[in-house]
Amino acid sequence: MADRLGSFDTCTISDALDSLGLTGAVVGLAPLTVSGRRIAGKVVTVKLGPPLAGLPKRHLCAAAVMSARNDEVIVIEHRGRTDVSGWGGLLSRGAIKRGVAGVIIDGACRDVDESRELGLPIFGHIAVPVTARGRIAEHAWDCPVTIGTVVVKPGDWVVADGSGVVFVDPNRLNDVLREAERISAREAAMALAIEAGSPLDQVLGANYEDLLNGAESNHG
């Protein structure tokens, strides 16, 4: 299923969600390490926050890394913080060993050069050198988290690429994939029409505006 989801870019999946009246696209996340590489898979979640009394004494994100299965994606709620890191190089090394497909953090991370050399795709807001030590703690993992304005649950699906990050509820995954296939075929036909010399305004006019509502294309 990850391969099928990953065959579509985030724009197509976002359009499919729109067509079905669903949400899932997150604004403001971009590749921080490996560019030009799309990732897709089930998510393993982590919730970060300020240090609090009584929290378990464990390194943030380590439990999620150790539990992750091959090709899963670690998704971290960091509350949009850009003043302190919520992920670093040693975690990236552990994630690579576990076969993690990538990391998505709603905030900042550090050691991006190291993670880039390791080949681990990380999507987030920004890179910072500031350590989480004494500033950030893991509140929970394998729990619902909020990324941007989207609530993400363990077992949800995600696709991320140069255009951003989109989450999909597993209960609607097949519907979203069917709609993505329809939209992708329609856009491919429109692209062929443009390459064949059809006037751009003719191709993009009614066709583009009607793309999400299922109206028939004049070009396929």
Protein backbone atom coordinates (compact mmCIF):
# COMPACT_ATOMS: atom_id res chain seq x y z
CA MET A 1 0.00 0.00 0.00
CA ALA A 2 2.90 2.37 0.69
CA ASP A 3 4.15 1.91 -2.87
CA ARG A 4 0.72 2.71 -4.27
CA LEU A 5 0.34 5.81 -2.10
CA GLY A 6 3.89 6.89 -2.91
CA SER A 7 3.17 6.71 -6.64
CA PHE A 8 1.23 9.97 -6.28
CA ASP A 9 2.70 13.32 -5.30
CA THR A 10 1.33 15.30 -2.38
CA CYS A 11 -0.49 17.71 -4.67
CA THR A 12 -2.54 14.90 -6.19
CA ILE A 13 -3.32 13.39 -2.79
CA SER A 14 -4.29 16.83 -1.45
CA ASP A 15 -6.59 17.33 -4.45
CA ALA A 16 -8.14 13.92 -3.82
CA LEU A 17 -8.81 14.86 -0.20
CA ASP A 18 -10.40 18.12 -1.35
CA SER A 19 -12.59 16.25 -3.80
CA LEU A 20 -13.81 13.95 -1.03
CA GLY A 21 -14.31 16.77 1.48
CA LEU A 22 -11.48 15.52 3.69
CA THR A 23 -8.56 17.27 5.39
CA GLY A 24 -4.96 16.14 5.81
CA ALA A 25 -2.60 18.59 4.11
CA VAL A 26 -0.16 20.41 6.41
CA VAL A 27 1.14 23.87 5.56
CA GLY A 28 4.71 24.96 6.31
CA LEU A 29 6.65 21.68 6.23
CA ALA A 30 9.44 21.19 3.70
CA PRO A 31 12.41 18.86 3.10
CA LEU A 32 15.33 19.68 5.41
CA THR A 33 17.76 16.96 4.35
CA VAL A 34 17.17 14.83 1.24
CA SER A 35 15.52 16.76 -1.59
CA GLY A 36 13.80 15.25 -4.61
CA ARG A 37 12.77 12.12 -2.74
CA ARG A 38 9.19 11.21 -1.91
CA ILE A 39 8.36 9.11 1.14
CA ALA A 40 5.13 7.29 1.99
CA GLY A 41 4.16 4.94 4.78
CA LYS A 42 2.35 4.35 8.03
CA VAL A 43 3.13 6.73 10.87
CA VAL A 44 4.63 6.20 14.31
CA THR A 45 3.80 9.21 16.49
CA VAL A 46 5.66 11.16 19.18
CA LYS A 47 4.40 14.07 21.31
CA LEU A 48 7.00 16.55 22.59
CA GLY A 49 6.55 19.42 25.03
CA PRO A 50 8.18 21.28 27.90
CA PRO A 51 9.82 19.28 30.73
CA LEU A 52 7.27 18.29 33.37
CA ALA A 53 7.60 16.49 36.68
CA GLY A 54 6.74 12.81 36.52
CA LEU A 55 7.52 12.23 32.85
CA PRO A 56 9.37 8.99 32.03
CA LYS A 57 13.15 9.37 31.94
CA ARG A 58 13.90 8.44 28.34
CA HIS A 59 15.54 10.13 25.42
CA LEU A 60 12.96 11.82 23.24
CA CYS A 61 11.83 9.79 20.23
CA ALA A 62 13.98 6.76 21.14
CA ALA A 63 11.01 4.50 21.95
CA ALA A 64 9.34 5.37 18.65
CA VAL A 65 12.52 4.62 16.72
CA MET A 66 12.92 1.25 18.43
CA SER A 67 9.29 0.31 17.75
CA ALA A 68 9.24 1.43 14.13
CA ARG A 69 8.91 -1.18 11.44
CA ASN A 70 10.61 -1.08 8.07
CA ASP A 71 9.40 1.81 5.88
CA GLU A 72 7.31 3.46 8.60
CA VAL A 73 7.50 7.23 9.12
CA ILE A 74 8.12 8.89 12.49
CA VAL A 75 5.83 11.90 13.00
CA ILE A 76 6.65 14.32 15.81
CA GLU A 77 4.43 16.93 17.42
CA HIS A 78 6.80 19.76 18.34
CA ARG A 79 4.15 22.51 18.46
CA GLY A 80 5.77 24.44 15.66
CA ARG A 81 8.78 25.36 17.78
CA THR A 82 11.73 26.72 15.84
CA ASP A 83 13.90 27.81 18.78
CA VAL A 84 14.98 24.32 19.85
CA SER A 85 15.57 20.98 18.16
CA GLY A 86 13.21 18.04 18.48
CA TRP A 87 15.35 15.56 16.49
CA GLY A 88 19.07 15.00 16.00
CA GLY A 89 21.81 13.00 14.38
CA LEU A 90 22.00 10.03 16.76
CA LEU A 91 18.25 9.52 16.38
CA SER A 92 18.75 9.60 12.60
CA ARG A 93 21.39 6.87 12.88
CA GLY A 94 19.01 4.73 14.92
CA ALA A 95 16.19 5.36 12.47
CA ILE A 96 18.32 4.30 9.52
CA LYS A 97 19.19 1.06 11.33
CA ARG A 98 15.48 0.35 11.82
CA GLY A 99 14.67 1.01 8.17
CA VAL A 100 12.58 4.09 8.90
CA ALA A 101 11.43 5.75 5.67
CA GLY A 102 11.64 9.29 7.02
CA VAL A 103 10.85 11.76 9.78
CA ILE A 104 8.27 14.54 9.89
CA ILE A 105 8.58 17.11 12.66
CA ASP A 106 6.25 20.04 13.25
CA GLY A 107 9.13 22.27 14.31
CA ALA A 108 12.92 22.38 14.17
CA CYS A 109 15.61 19.71 14.12
CA ARG A 110 19.41 19.74 14.16
CA ASP A 111 22.32 17.75 12.71
CA VAL A 112 20.80 18.13 9.25
CA ASP A 113 24.17 17.66 7.54
CA GLU A 114 24.65 14.35 9.33
CA SER A 115 21.13 13.21 8.50
CA ARG A 116 21.64 14.23 4.88
CA GLU A 117 24.83 12.17 4.69
CA LEU A 118 22.95 9.21 6.18
CA GLY A 119 20.26 9.60 3.52
CA LEU A 120 17.37 10.03 5.96
CA PRO A 121 14.59 12.29 4.63
CA ILE A 122 13.46 14.78 7.29
CA PHE A 123 10.59 17.22 6.78
CA GLY A 124 10.13 20.12 9.15
CA HIS A 125 10.12 23.90 9.56
CA ILE A 126 13.77 24.80 10.03
CA ALA A 127 17.19 23.61 11.20
CA VAL A 128 18.67 24.92 14.46
CA PRO A 129 21.76 23.92 16.47
CA VAL A 130 20.05 24.29 19.88
CA THR A 131 19.78 21.04 21.85
CA ALA A 132 16.53 19.74 23.35
CA ARG A 133 18.38 18.79 26.52
CA GLY A 134 16.73 20.54 29.47
CA ARG A 135 14.30 22.34 27.15
CA ILE A 136 12.11 19.64 25.61
CA ALA A 137 10.79 16.31 26.87
CA GLU A 138 8.84 13.45 25.38
CA HIS A 139 5.30 13.51 26.77
CA ALA A 140 4.09 10.37 25.00
CA TRP A 141 4.45 8.23 21.92
CA ASP A 142 2.11 5.98 19.92
CA CYS A 143 -0.69 8.46 20.63
CA PRO A 144 -2.71 11.03 18.66
CA VAL A 145 -0.66 14.13 17.83
CA THR A 146 -1.35 17.43 16.11
CA ILE A 147 0.78 18.41 13.13
CA GLY A 148 -0.09 21.91 12.02
CA THR A 149 -3.88 21.79 12.26
CA VAL A 150 -4.17 18.08 11.42
CA VAL A 151 -4.78 15.44 14.07
CA VAL A 152 -2.65 12.40 13.24
CA LYS A 153 -3.21 8.97 14.80
CA PRO A 154 -0.89 5.96 14.99
CA GLY A 155 -1.50 3.88 11.88
CA ASP A 156 -2.49 6.83 9.69
CA TRP A 157 -0.75 7.08 6.33
CA VAL A 158 1.44 9.92 5.10
CA VAL A 159 3.07 11.03 1.87
CA ALA A 160 5.71 13.78 1.81
CA ASP A 161 7.73 15.38 -0.97
CA GLY A 162 9.03 18.73 -2.13
CA SER A 163 5.55 20.26 -2.07
CA GLY A 164 4.83 19.31 1.54
CA VAL A 165 3.15 16.70 3.72
CA VAL A 166 -0.30 15.09 3.51
CA PHE A 167 -1.89 12.63 5.96
CA VAL A 168 -4.60 10.11 5.11
CA ASP A 169 -6.96 8.27 7.46
CA PRO A 170 -6.59 4.50 6.83
CA ASN A 171 -10.38 4.14 6.78
CA ARG A 172 -10.51 6.39 3.70
CA LEU A 173 -7.25 5.36 2.07
CA ASN A 174 -8.84 3.32 -0.73
CA ASP A 175 -11.28 6.13 -1.53
CA VAL A 176 -8.43 8.64 -1.63
CA LEU A 177 -6.31 6.41 -3.86
CA ARG A 178 -9.17 5.87 -6.32
CA GLU A 179 -9.77 9.61 -6.49
CA ALA A 180 -6.03 10.27 -6.86
CA GLU A 181 -5.92 7.86 -9.80
CA ARG A 182 -8.78 9.73 -11.49
CA ILE A 183 -7.19 13.13 -10.93
CA SER A 184 -3.74 11.94 -12.01
CA ALA A 185 -5.14 10.51 -15.26
CA ARG A 186 -7.01 13.73 -15.99
CA GLU A 187 -3.97 15.90 -15.33
CA ALA A 188 -1.80 13.62 -17.48
CA ALA A 189 -4.25 14.03 -20.36
CA MET A 190 -4.19 17.80 -19.91
CA ALA A 191 -0.38 17.79 -19.90
CA LEU A 192 -0.36 15.79 -23.14
CA ALA A 193 -2.76 18.28 -24.70
CA ILE A 194 -0.46 21.17 -23.76
CA GLU A 195 2.58 19.34 -25.16
CA ALA A 196 0.63 18.64 -28.37
CA GLY A 197 0.08 22.35 -28.87
CA SER A 198 -3.43 22.94 -27.55
CA PRO A 199 -3.87 26.53 -26.33
CA LEU A 200 -3.07 26.78 -22.63
CA ASP A 201 -6.17 28.81 -21.82
CA GLN A 202 -8.33 26.19 -23.52
CA VAL A 203 -6.76 23.34 -21.55
CA LEU A 204 -6.64 25.11 -18.21
CA GLY A 205 -9.92 27.00 -18.46
CA ALA A 206 -12.91 24.76 -17.87
CA ASN A 207 -10.83 21.60 -17.53
CA TYR A 208 -8.74 22.71 -14.60
CA GLU A 209 -11.59 24.33 -12.70
CA ASP A 210 -13.73 21.20 -13.17
CA LEU A 211 -10.95 18.75 -12.36
CA LEU A 212 -12.10 18.02 -8.80
CA ASN A 213 -15.81 17.73 -9.48
CA GLY A 214 -15.58 14.93 -12.02
CA ALA A 215 -16.61 16.93 -15.09
CA GLU A 216 -15.45 15.42 -18.40
CA SER A 217 -12.24 16.74 -19.94
CA ASN A 218 -12.10 17.82 -23.57
CA HIS A 219 -8.69 16.18 -23.79
CA GLY A 220 -9.27 12.70 -22.45
